[in-house]
Amino acid sequence: MLRTSRSKKPVVRMMKNQLSSLVMHEKIITTLPRAKKLKVEAEILISLLKKENTITLKRRIFNLLYSSASKKALDERLRYKSVSIYKLAERPGDGSKMAQVRINITEEKKKEKNV
C-alpha cells in the first residue's frame, strides 16, 4: 500500500480509479510512487486477463475495475502485453516526481491476400 496520510479505503479507491483510467485511455500521468504501485496492479490485471474466461475471473476483474473499464478490458483482453513507466519532469507546483504509465499493446497484423 502507498505510504500516505490517508486511510486505506481512499487509497484503494484511488488505485481502482487510476487502473480504470489506465485501461480506458491506455496511458496516464501520475506521481512516481503512485505509478510504481499502479504498475503492480496493472500487471496483476493483465495476468488475469490472459487466463480462461470464467465467471470467477469476470468477478475478480469487476472487483479490480469500474464497470465501463472492465467491459473494455474484457473486449481487448488479448491485446495487452505489459506495463511500462516513463519518468517525466518534476511538477512545477510542488516538485513532485512525475511519471507516465502506459499499457503496451501488441499490434495485430492483418493478413492481406494478394490477388
PDB file of N, CA and C in Angstrom:
ATOM      1  N   MET A   1       0.840  -1.181   0.000  1.00  0.00           N
ATOM      2  CA  MET A   1       0.000   0.000   0.000  1.00  0.00           C
ATOM      3  C   MET A   1       0.881   1.239   0.000  1.00  0.00           C
ATOM      4  N   LEU A   2       0.406   2.295  -0.616  1.00  0.00           N
ATOM      5  CA  LEU A   2       1.153   3.548  -0.648  1.00  0.00           C
ATOM      6  C   LEU A   2       1.249   4.147   0.744  1.00  0.00           C
ATOM      7  N   ARG A   3       2.357   4.810   0.991  1.00  0.00           N
ATOM      8  CA  ARG A   3       2.515   5.485   2.275  1.00  0.00           C
ATOM      9  C   ARG A   3       1.981   6.902   2.131  1.00  0.00           C
ATOM     10  N   THR A   4       0.771   7.112   2.589  1.00  0.00           N
ATOM     11  CA  THR A   4       0.145   8.429   2.541  1.00  0.00           C
ATOM     12  C   THR A   4      -0.458   8.735   3.894  1.00  0.00           C
ATOM     13  N   SER A   5      -0.939   9.957   4.044  1.00  0.00           N
ATOM     14  CA  SER A   5      -1.586  10.334   5.292  1.00  0.00           C
ATOM     15  C   SER A   5      -3.067   9.938   5.288  1.00  0.00           C
ATOM     16  N   ARG A   6      -3.519   9.332   4.217  1.00  0.00           N
ATOM     17  CA  ARG A   6      -4.915   8.922   4.113  1.00  0.00           C
ATOM     18  C   ARG A   6      -5.109   7.532   4.704  1.00  0.00           C
ATOM     19  N   SER A   7      -6.369   7.206   4.998  1.00  0.00           N
ATOM     20  CA  SER A   7      -6.668   5.854   5.455  1.00  0.00           C
ATOM     21  C   SER A   7      -6.691   4.914   4.250  1.00  0.00           C
ATOM     22  N   LYS A   8      -6.910   3.643   4.480  1.00  0.00           N
ATOM     23  CA  LYS A   8      -6.782   2.630   3.433  1.00  0.00           C
ATOM     24  C   LYS A   8      -7.858   2.746   2.353  1.00  0.00           C
ATOM     25  N   LYS A   9      -9.105   2.991   2.721  1.00  0.00           N
ATOM     26  CA  LYS A   9     -10.198   2.998   1.746  1.00  0.00           C
ATOM     27  C   LYS A   9     -10.034   4.044   0.645  1.00  0.00           C
ATOM     28  N   PRO A  10      -9.699   5.302   0.963  1.00  0.00           N
ATOM     29  CA  PRO A  10      -9.499   6.265  -0.132  1.00  0.00           C
ATOM     30  C   PRO A  10      -8.331   5.909  -1.047  1.00  0.00           C
ATOM     31  N   VAL A  11      -7.306   5.305  -0.508  1.00  0.00           N
ATOM     32  CA  VAL A  11      -6.159   4.906  -1.322  1.00  0.00           C
ATOM     33  C   VAL A  11      -6.557   3.768  -2.260  1.00  0.00           C
ATOM     34  N   VAL A  12      -7.336   2.817  -1.767  1.00  0.00           N
ATOM     35  CA  VAL A  12      -7.798   1.702  -2.592  1.00  0.00           C
ATOM     36  C   VAL A  12      -8.694   2.223  -3.709  1.00  0.00           C
ATOM     37  N   ARG A  13      -9.602   3.151  -3.391  1.00  0.00           N
ATOM     38  CA  ARG A  13     -10.472   3.733  -4.413  1.00  0.00           C
ATOM     39  C   ARG A  13      -9.675   4.503  -5.452  1.00  0.00           C
ATOM     40  N   MET A  14      -8.644   5.232  -5.010  1.00  0.00           N
ATOM     41  CA  MET A  14      -7.804   5.984  -5.934  1.00  0.00           C
ATOM     42  C   MET A  14      -7.087   5.045  -6.902  1.00  0.00           C
ATOM     43  N   MET A  15      -6.545   3.930  -6.389  1.00  0.00           N
ATOM     44  CA  MET A  15      -5.843   2.987  -7.252  1.00  0.00           C
ATOM     45  C   MET A  15      -6.813   2.317  -8.226  1.00  0.00           C
ATOM     46  N   LYS A  16      -8.026   2.020  -7.773  1.00  0.00           N
ATOM     47  CA  LYS A  16      -9.036   1.424  -8.643  1.00  0.00           C
ATOM     48  C   LYS A  16      -9.419   2.409  -9.748  1.00  0.00           C
ATOM     49  N   ASN A  17      -9.546   3.674  -9.385  1.00  0.00           N
ATOM     50  CA  ASN A  17      -9.885   4.712 -10.358  1.00  0.00           C
ATOM     51  C   ASN A  17      -8.753   4.892 -11.369  1.00  0.00           C
ATOM     52  N   GLN A  18      -7.505   4.909 -10.893  1.00  0.00           N
ATOM     53  CA  GLN A  18      -6.380   5.072 -11.806  1.00  0.00           C
ATOM     54  C   GLN A  18      -6.224   3.858 -12.714  1.00  0.00           C
ATOM     55  N   LEU A  19      -6.455   2.673 -12.196  1.00  0.00           N
ATOM     56  CA  LEU A  19      -6.373   1.463 -13.017  1.00  0.00           C
ATOM     57  C   LEU A  19      -7.462   1.469 -14.088  1.00  0.00           C
ATOM     58  N   SER A  20      -8.661   1.917 -13.733  1.00  0.00           N
ATOM     59  CA  SER A  20      -9.737   2.021 -14.720  1.00  0.00           C
ATOM     60  C   SER A  20      -9.388   3.049 -15.794  1.00  0.00           C
ATOM     61  N   SER A  21      -8.810   4.179 -15.393  1.00  0.00           N
ATOM     62  CA  SER A  21      -8.399   5.200 -16.357  1.00  0.00           C
ATOM     63  C   SER A  21      -7.292   4.678 -17.264  1.00  0.00           C
ATOM     64  N   LEU A  22      -6.385   3.897 -16.708  1.00  0.00           N
ATOM     65  CA  LEU A  22      -5.301   3.330 -17.495  1.00  0.00           C
ATOM     66  C   LEU A  22      -5.846   2.374 -18.557  1.00  0.00           C
ATOM     67  N   VAL A  23      -6.836   1.580 -18.200  1.00  0.00           N
ATOM     68  CA  VAL A  23      -7.431   0.653 -19.157  1.00  0.00           C
ATOM     69  C   VAL A  23      -8.200   1.419 -20.230  1.00  0.00           C
ATOM     70  N   MET A  24      -8.907   2.465 -19.838  1.00  0.00           N
ATOM     71  CA  MET A  24      -9.709   3.225 -20.792  1.00  0.00           C
ATOM     72  C   MET A  24      -8.843   4.026 -21.769  1.00  0.00           C
ATOM     73  N   HIS A  25      -7.798   4.678 -21.265  1.00  0.00           N
ATOM     74  CA  HIS A  25      -7.004   5.593 -22.094  1.00  0.00           C
ATOM     75  C   HIS A  25      -5.655   5.026 -22.519  1.00  0.00           C
ATOM     76  N   GLU A  26      -5.269   3.897 -21.974  1.00  0.00           N
ATOM     77  CA  GLU A  26      -4.023   3.186 -22.267  1.00  0.00           C
ATOM     78  C   GLU A  26      -2.761   3.916 -21.822  1.00  0.00           C
ATOM     79  N   LYS A  27      -2.883   5.124 -21.285  1.00  0.00           N
ATOM     80  CA  LYS A  27      -1.753   5.798 -20.649  1.00  0.00           C
ATOM     81  C   LYS A  27      -2.284   6.913 -19.751  1.00  0.00           C
ATOM     82  N   ILE A  28      -1.613   7.114 -18.620  1.00  0.00           N
ATOM     83  CA  ILE A  28      -1.971   8.202 -17.711  1.00  0.00           C
ATOM     84  C   ILE A  28      -0.689   8.794 -17.129  1.00  0.00           C
ATOM     85  N   ILE A  29      -0.797  10.017 -16.633  1.00  0.00           N
ATOM     86  CA  ILE A  29       0.326  10.686 -15.988  1.00  0.00           C
ATOM     87  C   ILE A  29      -0.023  10.835 -14.512  1.00  0.00           C
ATOM     88  N   THR A  30       0.896  10.428 -13.635  1.00  0.00           N
ATOM     89  CA  THR A  30       0.685  10.480 -12.196  1.00  0.00           C
ATOM     90  C   THR A  30       2.045  10.647 -11.513  1.00  0.00           C
ATOM     91  N   THR A  31       2.056  10.678 -10.203  1.00  0.00           N
ATOM     92  CA  THR A  31       3.330  10.791  -9.490  1.00  0.00           C
ATOM     93  C   THR A  31       4.060   9.450  -9.533  1.00  0.00           C
ATOM     94  N   LEU A  32       5.367   9.487  -9.330  1.00  0.00           N
ATOM     95  CA  LEU A  32       6.186   8.285  -9.453  1.00  0.00           C
ATOM     96  C   LEU A  32       5.821   7.186  -8.445  1.00  0.00           C
ATOM     97  N   PRO A  33       5.602   7.487  -7.153  1.00  0.00           N
ATOM     98  CA  PRO A  33       5.209   6.406  -6.232  1.00  0.00           C
ATOM     99  C   PRO A  33       3.872   5.756  -6.600  1.00  0.00           C
ATOM    100  N   ARG A  34       2.914   6.565  -7.047  1.00  0.00           N
ATOM    101  CA  ARG A  34       1.630   6.001  -7.472  1.00  0.00           C
ATOM    102  C   ARG A  34       1.805   5.167  -8.731  1.00  0.00           C
ATOM    103  N   ALA A  35       2.682   5.613  -9.628  1.00  0.00           N
ATOM    104  CA  ALA A  35       2.926   4.879 -10.874  1.00  0.00           C
ATOM    105  C   ALA A  35       3.521   3.507 -10.586  1.00  0.00           C
ATOM    106  N   LYS A  36       4.421   3.424  -9.616  1.00  0.00           N
ATOM    107  CA  LYS A  36       5.021   2.136  -9.276  1.00  0.00           C
ATOM    108  C   LYS A  36       3.980   1.174  -8.711  1.00  0.00           C
ATOM    109  N   LYS A  37       3.101   1.663  -7.864  1.00  0.00           N
ATOM    110  CA  LYS A  37       2.036   0.828  -7.310  1.00  0.00           C
ATOM    111  C   LYS A  37       1.025   0.445  -8.392  1.00  0.00           C
ATOM    112  N   LEU A  38       0.734   1.385  -9.282  1.00  0.00           N
ATOM    113  CA  LEU A  38      -0.216   1.129 -10.362  1.00  0.00           C
ATOM    114  C   LEU A  38       0.317   0.084 -11.327  1.00  0.00           C
ATOM    115  N   LYS A  39       1.623   0.074 -11.555  1.00  0.00           N
ATOM    116  CA  LYS A  39       2.222  -0.917 -12.448  1.00  0.00           C
ATOM    117  C   LYS A  39       1.999  -2.326 -11.906  1.00  0.00           C
ATOM    118  N   VAL A  40       2.165  -2.497 -10.599  1.00  0.00           N
ATOM    119  CA  VAL A  40       1.952  -3.811  -9.980  1.00  0.00           C
ATOM    120  C   VAL A  40       0.497  -4.242 -10.148  1.00  0.00           C
ATOM    121  N   GLU A  41      -0.432  -3.333  -9.891  1.00  0.00           N
ATOM    122  CA  GLU A  41      -1.857  -3.651 -10.023  1.00  0.00           C
ATOM    123  C   GLU A  41      -2.216  -3.972 -11.473  1.00  0.00           C
ATOM    124  N   ALA A  42      -1.655  -3.225 -12.414  1.00  0.00           N
ATOM    125  CA  ALA A  42      -1.958  -3.450 -13.830  1.00  0.00           C
ATOM    126  C   ALA A  42      -1.389  -4.784 -14.312  1.00  0.00           C
ATOM    127  N   GLU A  43      -0.223  -5.164 -13.824  1.00  0.00           N
ATOM    128  CA  GLU A  43       0.342  -6.449 -14.220  1.00  0.00           C
ATOM    129  C   GLU A  43      -0.484  -7.615 -13.672  1.00  0.00           C
ATOM    130  N   ILE A  44      -1.048  -7.450 -12.490  1.00  0.00           N
ATOM    131  CA  ILE A  44      -1.962  -8.461 -11.950  1.00  0.00           C
ATOM    132  C   ILE A  44      -3.194  -8.567 -12.848  1.00  0.00           C
ATOM    133  N   LEU A  45      -3.730  -7.420 -13.274  1.00  0.00           N
ATOM    134  CA  LEU A  45      -4.890  -7.415 -14.162  1.00  0.00           C
ATOM    135  C   LEU A  45      -4.577  -8.096 -15.490  1.00  0.00           C
ATOM    136  N   ILE A  46      -3.412  -7.799 -16.072  1.00  0.00           N
ATOM    137  CA  ILE A  46      -3.038  -8.399 -17.361  1.00  0.00           C
ATOM    138  C   ILE A  46      -2.893  -9.910 -17.231  1.00  0.00           C
ATOM    139  N   SER A  47      -2.306 -10.368 -16.138  1.00  0.00           N
ATOM    140  CA  SER A  47      -2.174 -11.821 -15.959  1.00  0.00           C
ATOM    141  C   SER A  47      -3.545 -12.475 -15.783  1.00  0.00           C
ATOM    142  N   LEU A  48      -4.482 -11.788 -15.138  1.00  0.00           N
ATOM    143  CA  LEU A  48      -5.840 -12.324 -15.013  1.00  0.00           C
ATOM    144  C   LEU A  48      -6.542 -12.367 -16.366  1.00  0.00           C
ATOM    145  N   LEU A  49      -6.315 -11.344 -17.202  1.00  0.00           N
ATOM    146  CA  LEU A  49      -6.982 -11.279 -18.493  1.00  0.00           C
ATOM    147  C   LEU A  49      -6.508 -12.360 -19.449  1.00  0.00           C
ATOM    148  N   LYS A  50      -5.293 -12.866 -19.244  1.00  0.00           N
ATOM    149  CA  LYS A  50      -4.755 -13.881 -20.140  1.00  0.00           C
ATOM    150  C   LYS A  50      -5.264 -15.281 -19.812  1.00  0.00           C
ATOM    151  N   LYS A  51      -5.926 -15.426 -18.675  1.00  0.00           N
ATOM    152  CA  LYS A  51      -6.463 -16.733 -18.296  1.00  0.00           C
ATOM    153  C   LYS A  51      -7.776 -16.992 -19.025  1.00  0.00           C
ATOM    154  N   GLU A  52      -8.304 -18.186 -18.833  1.00  0.00           N
ATOM    155  CA  GLU A  52      -9.576 -18.540 -19.462  1.00  0.00           C
ATOM    156  C   GLU A  52     -10.703 -17.681 -18.919  1.00  0.00           C
ATOM    157  N   ASN A  53     -11.710 -17.491 -19.753  1.00  0.00           N
ATOM    158  CA  ASN A  53     -12.838 -16.642 -19.408  1.00  0.00           C
ATOM    159  C   ASN A  53     -13.864 -17.436 -18.604  1.00  0.00           C
ATOM    160  N   THR A  54     -13.903 -17.220 -17.296  1.00  0.00           N
ATOM    161  CA  THR A  54     -14.873 -17.896 -16.434  1.00  0.00           C
ATOM    162  C   THR A  54     -15.638 -16.855 -15.629  1.00  0.00           C
ATOM    163  N   ILE A  55     -16.659 -17.287 -14.951  1.00  0.00           N
ATOM    164  CA  ILE A  55     -17.458 -16.378 -14.125  1.00  0.00           C
ATOM    165  C   ILE A  55     -16.611 -15.818 -12.983  1.00  0.00           C
ATOM    166  N   THR A  56     -15.816 -16.667 -12.361  1.00  0.00           N
ATOM    167  CA  THR A  56     -14.969 -16.228 -11.251  1.00  0.00           C
ATOM    168  C   THR A  56     -13.966 -15.185 -11.715  1.00  0.00           C
ATOM    169  N   LEU A  57     -13.414 -15.389 -12.885  1.00  0.00           N
ATOM    170  CA  LEU A  57     -12.450 -14.441 -13.439  1.00  0.00           C
ATOM    171  C   LEU A  57     -13.112 -13.092 -13.712  1.00  0.00           C
ATOM    172  N   LYS A  58     -14.313 -13.119 -14.271  1.00  0.00           N
ATOM    173  CA  LYS A  58     -15.033 -11.870 -14.528  1.00  0.00           C
ATOM    174  C   LYS A  58     -15.308 -11.124 -13.232  1.00  0.00           C
ATOM    175  N   ARG A  59     -15.663 -11.843 -12.189  1.00  0.00           N
ATOM    176  CA  ARG A  59     -15.940 -11.197 -10.904  1.00  0.00           C
ATOM    177  C   ARG A  59     -14.683 -10.557 -10.324  1.00  0.00           C
ATOM    178  N   ARG A  60     -13.540 -11.231 -10.471  1.00  0.00           N
ATOM    179  CA  ARG A  60     -12.284 -10.657  -9.978  1.00  0.00           C
ATOM    180  C   ARG A  60     -11.899  -9.404 -10.757  1.00  0.00           C
ATOM    181  N   ILE A  61     -12.138  -9.411 -12.072  1.00  0.00           N
ATOM    182  CA  ILE A  61     -11.838  -8.241 -12.895  1.00  0.00           C
ATOM    183  C   ILE A  61     -12.779  -7.100 -12.553  1.00  0.00           C
ATOM    184  N   PHE A  62     -14.068  -7.387 -12.365  1.00  0.00           N
ATOM    185  CA  PHE A  62     -15.019  -6.349 -11.973  1.00  0.00           C
ATOM    186  C   PHE A  62     -14.662  -5.762 -10.607  1.00  0.00           C
ATOM    187  N   ASN A  63     -14.046  -6.576  -9.747  1.00  0.00           N
ATOM    188  CA  ASN A  63     -13.623  -6.092  -8.446  1.00  0.00           C
ATOM    189  C   ASN A  63     -12.419  -5.146  -8.563  1.00  0.00           C
ATOM    190  N   LEU A  64     -11.560  -5.370  -9.546  1.00  0.00           N
ATOM    191  CA  LEU A  64     -10.382  -4.518  -9.747  1.00  0.00           C
ATOM    192  C   LEU A  64     -10.710  -3.210 -10.453  1.00  0.00           C
ATOM    193  N   LEU A  65     -11.715  -3.223 -11.331  1.00  0.00           N
ATOM    194  CA  LEU A  65     -12.020  -2.072 -12.166  1.00  0.00           C
ATOM    195  C   LEU A  65     -13.447  -1.599 -11.953  1.00  0.00           C
ATOM    196  N   TYR A  66     -13.727  -0.401 -12.483  1.00  0.00           N
ATOM    197  CA  TYR A  66     -15.099   0.058 -12.556  1.00  0.00           C
ATOM    198  C   TYR A  66     -15.733  -0.520 -13.813  1.00  0.00           C
ATOM    199  N   SER A  67     -17.053  -0.538 -13.903  1.00  0.00           N
ATOM    200  CA  SER A  67     -17.766  -1.322 -14.908  1.00  0.00           C
ATOM    201  C   SER A  67     -17.406  -0.980 -16.357  1.00  0.00           C
ATOM    202  N   SER A  68     -17.377   0.284 -16.738  1.00  0.00           N
ATOM    203  CA  SER A  68     -17.111   0.613 -18.140  1.00  0.00           C
ATOM    204  C   SER A  68     -15.696   0.213 -18.541  1.00  0.00           C
ATOM    205  N   ALA A  69     -14.750   0.375 -17.631  1.00  0.00           N
ATOM    206  CA  ALA A  69     -13.371  -0.011 -17.929  1.00  0.00           C
ATOM    207  C   ALA A  69     -13.232  -1.522 -17.996  1.00  0.00           C
ATOM    208  N   SER A  70     -13.970  -2.230 -17.164  1.00  0.00           N
ATOM    209  CA  SER A  70     -13.847  -3.687 -17.166  1.00  0.00           C
ATOM    210  C   SER A  70     -14.437  -4.295 -18.427  1.00  0.00           C
ATOM    211  N   LYS A  71     -15.471  -3.675 -18.983  1.00  0.00           N
ATOM    212  CA  LYS A  71     -16.018  -4.164 -20.244  1.00  0.00           C
ATOM    213  C   LYS A  71     -14.991  -4.020 -21.355  1.00  0.00           C
ATOM    214  N   LYS A  72     -14.307  -2.883 -21.391  1.00  0.00           N
ATOM    215  CA  LYS A  72     -13.281  -2.676 -22.416  1.00  0.00           C
ATOM    216  C   LYS A  72     -12.130  -3.662 -22.213  1.00  0.00           C
ATOM    217  N   ALA A  73     -11.766  -3.904 -20.964  1.00  0.00           N
ATOM    218  CA  ALA A  73     -10.669  -4.829 -20.681  1.00  0.00           C
ATOM    219  C   ALA A  73     -11.003  -6.241 -21.153  1.00  0.00           C
ATOM    220  N   LEU A  74     -12.239  -6.659 -20.966  1.00  0.00           N
ATOM    221  CA  LEU A  74     -12.632  -7.993 -21.412  1.00  0.00           C
ATOM    222  C   LEU A  74     -12.667  -8.084 -22.936  1.00  0.00           C
ATOM    223  N   ASP A  75     -13.040  -6.988 -23.599  1.00  0.00           N
ATOM    224  CA  ASP A  75     -13.086  -6.992 -25.055  1.00  0.00           C
ATOM    225  C   ASP A  75     -11.689  -7.048 -25.675  1.00  0.00           C
ATOM    226  N   GLU A  76     -10.746  -6.340 -25.068  1.00  0.00           N
ATOM    227  CA  GLU A  76      -9.404  -6.249 -25.640  1.00  0.00           C
ATOM    228  C   GLU A  76      -8.399  -7.072 -24.846  1.00  0.00           C
ATOM    229  N   ARG A  77      -8.828  -8.149 -24.279  1.00  0.00           N
ATOM    230  CA  ARG A  77      -8.022  -8.906 -23.332  1.00  0.00           C
ATOM    231  C   ARG A  77      -6.738  -9.475 -23.900  1.00  0.00           C
ATOM    232  N   LEU A  78      -6.722  -9.849 -25.154  1.00  0.00           N
ATOM    233  CA  LEU A  78      -5.532 -10.486 -25.705  1.00  0.00           C
ATOM    234  C   LEU A  78      -4.538  -9.479 -26.280  1.00  0.00           C
ATOM    235  N   ARG A  79      -4.909  -8.212 -26.356  1.00  0.00           N
ATOM    236  CA  ARG A  79      -4.014  -7.212 -26.914  1.00  0.00           C
ATOM    237  C   ARG A  79      -3.010  -6.687 -25.898  1.00  0.00           C
ATOM    238  N   TYR A  80      -3.315  -6.782 -24.615  1.00  0.00           N
ATOM    239  CA  TYR A  80      -2.433  -6.219 -23.590  1.00  0.00           C
ATOM    240  C   TYR A  80      -1.195  -7.085 -23.424  1.00  0.00           C
ATOM    241  N   LYS A  81      -0.045  -6.444 -23.426  1.00  0.00           N
ATOM    242  CA  LYS A  81       1.215  -7.174 -23.361  1.00  0.00           C
ATOM    243  C   LYS A  81       1.918  -6.945 -22.028  1.00  0.00           C
ATOM    244  N   SER A  82       2.193  -5.692 -21.698  1.00  0.00           N
ATOM    245  CA  SER A  82       2.888  -5.375 -20.456  1.00  0.00           C
ATOM    246  C   SER A  82       2.621  -3.919 -20.087  1.00  0.00           C
ATOM    247  N   VAL A  83       3.198  -3.498 -18.964  1.00  0.00           N
ATOM    248  CA  VAL A  83       3.038  -2.133 -18.483  1.00  0.00           C
ATOM    249  C   VAL A  83       4.424  -1.522 -18.316  1.00  0.00           C
ATOM    250  N   SER A  84       4.579  -0.273 -18.737  1.00  0.00           N
ATOM    251  CA  SER A  84       5.869   0.387 -18.579  1.00  0.00           C
ATOM    252  C   SER A  84       5.680   1.761 -17.960  1.00  0.00           C
ATOM    253  N   ILE A  85       6.724   2.223 -17.267  1.00  0.00           N
ATOM    254  CA  ILE A  85       6.728   3.524 -16.610  1.00  0.00           C
ATOM    255  C   ILE A  85       7.793   4.387 -17.267  1.00  0.00           C
ATOM    256  N   TYR A  86       7.414   5.608 -17.647  1.00  0.00           N
ATOM    257  CA  TYR A  86       8.349   6.575 -18.200  1.00  0.00           C
ATOM    258  C   TYR A  86       8.425   7.765 -17.251  1.00  0.00           C
ATOM    259  N   LYS A  87       9.626   8.083 -16.795  1.00  0.00           N
ATOM    260  CA  LYS A  87       9.796   9.208 -15.879  1.00  0.00           C
ATOM    261  C   LYS A  87       9.711  10.513 -16.658  1.00  0.00           C
ATOM    262  N   LEU A  88       9.031  11.492 -16.072  1.00  0.00           N
ATOM    263  CA  LEU A  88       8.849  12.806 -16.682  1.00  0.00           C
ATOM    264  C   LEU A  88       9.502  13.865 -15.811  1.00  0.00           C
ATOM    265  N   ALA A  89       9.406  15.114 -16.222  1.00  0.00           N
ATOM    266  CA  ALA A  89       9.947  16.223 -15.444  1.00  0.00           C
ATOM    267  C   ALA A  89       9.144  16.398 -14.158  1.00  0.00           C
ATOM    268  N   GLU A  90       9.737  17.107 -13.213  1.00  0.00           N
ATOM    269  CA  GLU A  90       9.050  17.351 -11.940  1.00  0.00           C
ATOM    270  C   GLU A  90       7.880  18.296 -12.146  1.00  0.00           C
ATOM    271  N   ARG A  91       6.864  18.154 -11.298  1.00  0.00           N
ATOM    272  CA  ARG A  91       5.697  19.019 -11.355  1.00  0.00           C
ATOM    273  C   ARG A  91       6.098  20.413 -10.894  1.00  0.00           C
ATOM    274  N   PRO A  92       5.719  21.461 -11.636  1.00  0.00           N
ATOM    275  CA  PRO A  92       6.185  22.805 -11.292  1.00  0.00           C
ATOM    276  C   PRO A  92       5.703  23.326  -9.939  1.00  0.00           C
ATOM    277  N   GLY A  93       4.517  22.949  -9.520  1.00  0.00           N
ATOM    278  CA  GLY A  93       3.951  23.499  -8.294  1.00  0.00           C
ATOM    279  C   GLY A  93       4.655  23.056  -7.029  1.00  0.00           C
ATOM    280  N   ASP A  94       4.871  21.751  -6.873  1.00  0.00           N
ATOM    281  CA  ASP A  94       5.442  21.249  -5.626  1.00  0.00           C
ATOM    282  C   ASP A  94       6.696  20.410  -5.822  1.00  0.00           C
ATOM    283  N   GLY A  95       7.135  20.223  -7.055  1.00  0.00           N
ATOM    284  CA  GLY A  95       8.378  19.489  -7.301  1.00  0.00           C
ATOM    285  C   GLY A  95       8.251  17.979  -7.194  1.00  0.00           C
ATOM    286  N   SER A  96       7.027  17.454  -7.261  1.00  0.00           N
ATOM    287  CA  SER A  96       6.840  16.000  -7.200  1.00  0.00           C
ATOM    288  C   SER A  96       7.359  15.352  -8.473  1.00  0.00           C
ATOM    289  N   LYS A  97       7.960  14.183  -8.320  1.00  0.00           N
ATOM    290  CA  LYS A  97       8.439  13.454  -9.489  1.00  0.00           C
ATOM    291  C   LYS A  97       7.229  12.848 -10.199  1.00  0.00           C
ATOM    292  N   MET A  98       7.159  13.101 -11.495  1.00  0.00           N
ATOM    293  CA  MET A  98       6.020  12.632 -12.282  1.00  0.00           C
ATOM    294  C   MET A  98       6.440  11.485 -13.190  1.00  0.00           C
ATOM    295  N   ALA A  99       5.466  10.668 -13.575  1.00  0.00           N
ATOM    296  CA  ALA A  99       5.725   9.531 -14.448  1.00  0.00           C
ATOM    297  C   ALA A  99       4.499   9.263 -15.303  1.00  0.00           C
ATOM    298  N   GLN A 100       4.751   8.678 -16.466  1.00  0.00           N
ATOM    299  CA  GLN A 100       3.667   8.257 -17.343  1.00  0.00           C
ATOM    300  C   GLN A 100       3.617   6.735 -17.312  1.00  0.00           C
ATOM    301  N   VAL A 101       2.432   6.194 -17.062  1.00  0.00           N
ATOM    302  CA  VAL A 101       2.233   4.748 -17.054  1.00  0.00           C
ATOM    303  C   VAL A 101       1.512   4.403 -18.349  1.00  0.00           C
ATOM    304  N   ARG A 102       2.042   3.419 -19.062  1.00  0.00           N
ATOM    305  CA  ARG A 102       1.480   3.065 -20.365  1.00  0.00           C
ATOM    306  C   ARG A 102       1.331   1.561 -20.472  1.00  0.00           C
ATOM    307  N   ILE A 103       0.194   1.134 -21.034  1.00  0.00           N
ATOM    308  CA  ILE A 103      -0.010  -0.277 -21.333  1.00  0.00           C
ATOM    309  C   ILE A 103       0.532  -0.520 -22.734  1.00  0.00           C
ATOM    310  N   ASN A 104       1.468  -1.442 -22.852  1.00  0.00           N
ATOM    311  CA  ASN A 104       1.994  -1.809 -24.156  1.00  0.00           C
ATOM    312  C   ASN A 104       1.041  -2.807 -24.788  1.00  0.00           C
ATOM    313  N   ILE A 105       0.702  -2.547 -26.030  1.00  0.00           N
ATOM    314  CA  ILE A 105      -0.301  -3.347 -26.724  1.00  0.00           C
ATOM    315  C   ILE A 105       0.341  -4.018 -27.924  1.00  0.00           C
ATOM    316  N   THR A 106       0.011  -5.278 -28.116  1.00  0.00           N
ATOM    317  CA  THR A 106       0.516  -5.981 -29.289  1.00  0.00           C
ATOM    318  C   THR A 106      -0.330  -5.592 -30.494  1.00  0.00           C
ATOM    319  N   GLU A 107       0.344  -5.278 -31.555  1.00  0.00           N
ATOM    320  CA  GLU A 107      -0.344  -4.909 -32.784  1.00  0.00           C
ATOM    321  C   GLU A 107      -0.648  -6.166 -33.583  1.00  0.00           C
ATOM    322  N   GLU A 108      -1.892  -6.330 -33.925  1.00  0.00           N
ATOM    323  CA  GLU A 108      -2.286  -7.480 -34.717  1.00  0.00           C
ATOM    324  C   GLU A 108      -2.094  -7.145 -36.189  1.00  0.00           C
ATOM    325  N   LYS A 109      -1.305  -7.959 -36.848  1.00  0.00           N
ATOM    326  CA  LYS A 109      -1.070  -7.733 -38.260  1.00  0.00           C
ATOM    327  C   LYS A 109      -2.171  -8.409 -39.072  1.00  0.00           C
ATOM    328  N   LYS A 110      -2.778  -7.626 -39.903  1.00  0.00           N
ATOM    329  CA  LYS A 110      -3.855  -8.178 -40.729  1.00  0.00           C
ATOM    330  C   LYS A 110      -3.240  -8.876 -41.929  1.00  0.00           C
ATOM    331  N   LYS A 111      -3.754 -10.041 -42.236  1.00  0.00           N
ATOM    332  CA  LYS A 111      -3.281 -10.793 -43.397  1.00  0.00           C
ATOM    333  C   LYS A 111      -4.011 -10.292 -44.633  1.00  0.00           C
ATOM    334  N   GLU A 112      -3.225  -9.812 -45.557  1.00  0.00           N
ATOM    335  CA  GLU A 112      -3.827  -9.338 -46.796  1.00  0.00           C
ATOM    336  C   GLU A 112      -3.558 -10.377 -47.888  1.00  0.00           C
ATOM    337  N   LYS A 113      -4.595 -10.617 -48.643  1.00  0.00           N
ATOM    338  CA  LYS A 113      -4.457 -11.584 -49.736  1.00  0.00           C
ATOM    339  C   LYS A 113      -4.035 -10.838 -50.997  1.00  0.00           C
ATOM    340  N   ASN A 114      -3.009 -11.314 -51.614  1.00  0.00           N
ATOM    341  CA  ASN A 114      -2.573 -10.749 -52.883  1.00  0.00           C
ATOM    342  C   ASN A 114      -3.301 -11.473 -54.005  1.00  0.00           C
ATOM    343  N   VAL A 115      -4.154 -10.731 -54.675  1.00  0.00           N
ATOM    344  CA  VAL A 115      -4.966 -11.338 -55.728  1.00  0.00           C
ATOM    345  C   VAL A 115      -4.425 -10.934 -57.074  1.00  0.00           C
TER     346      VAL A 115
END
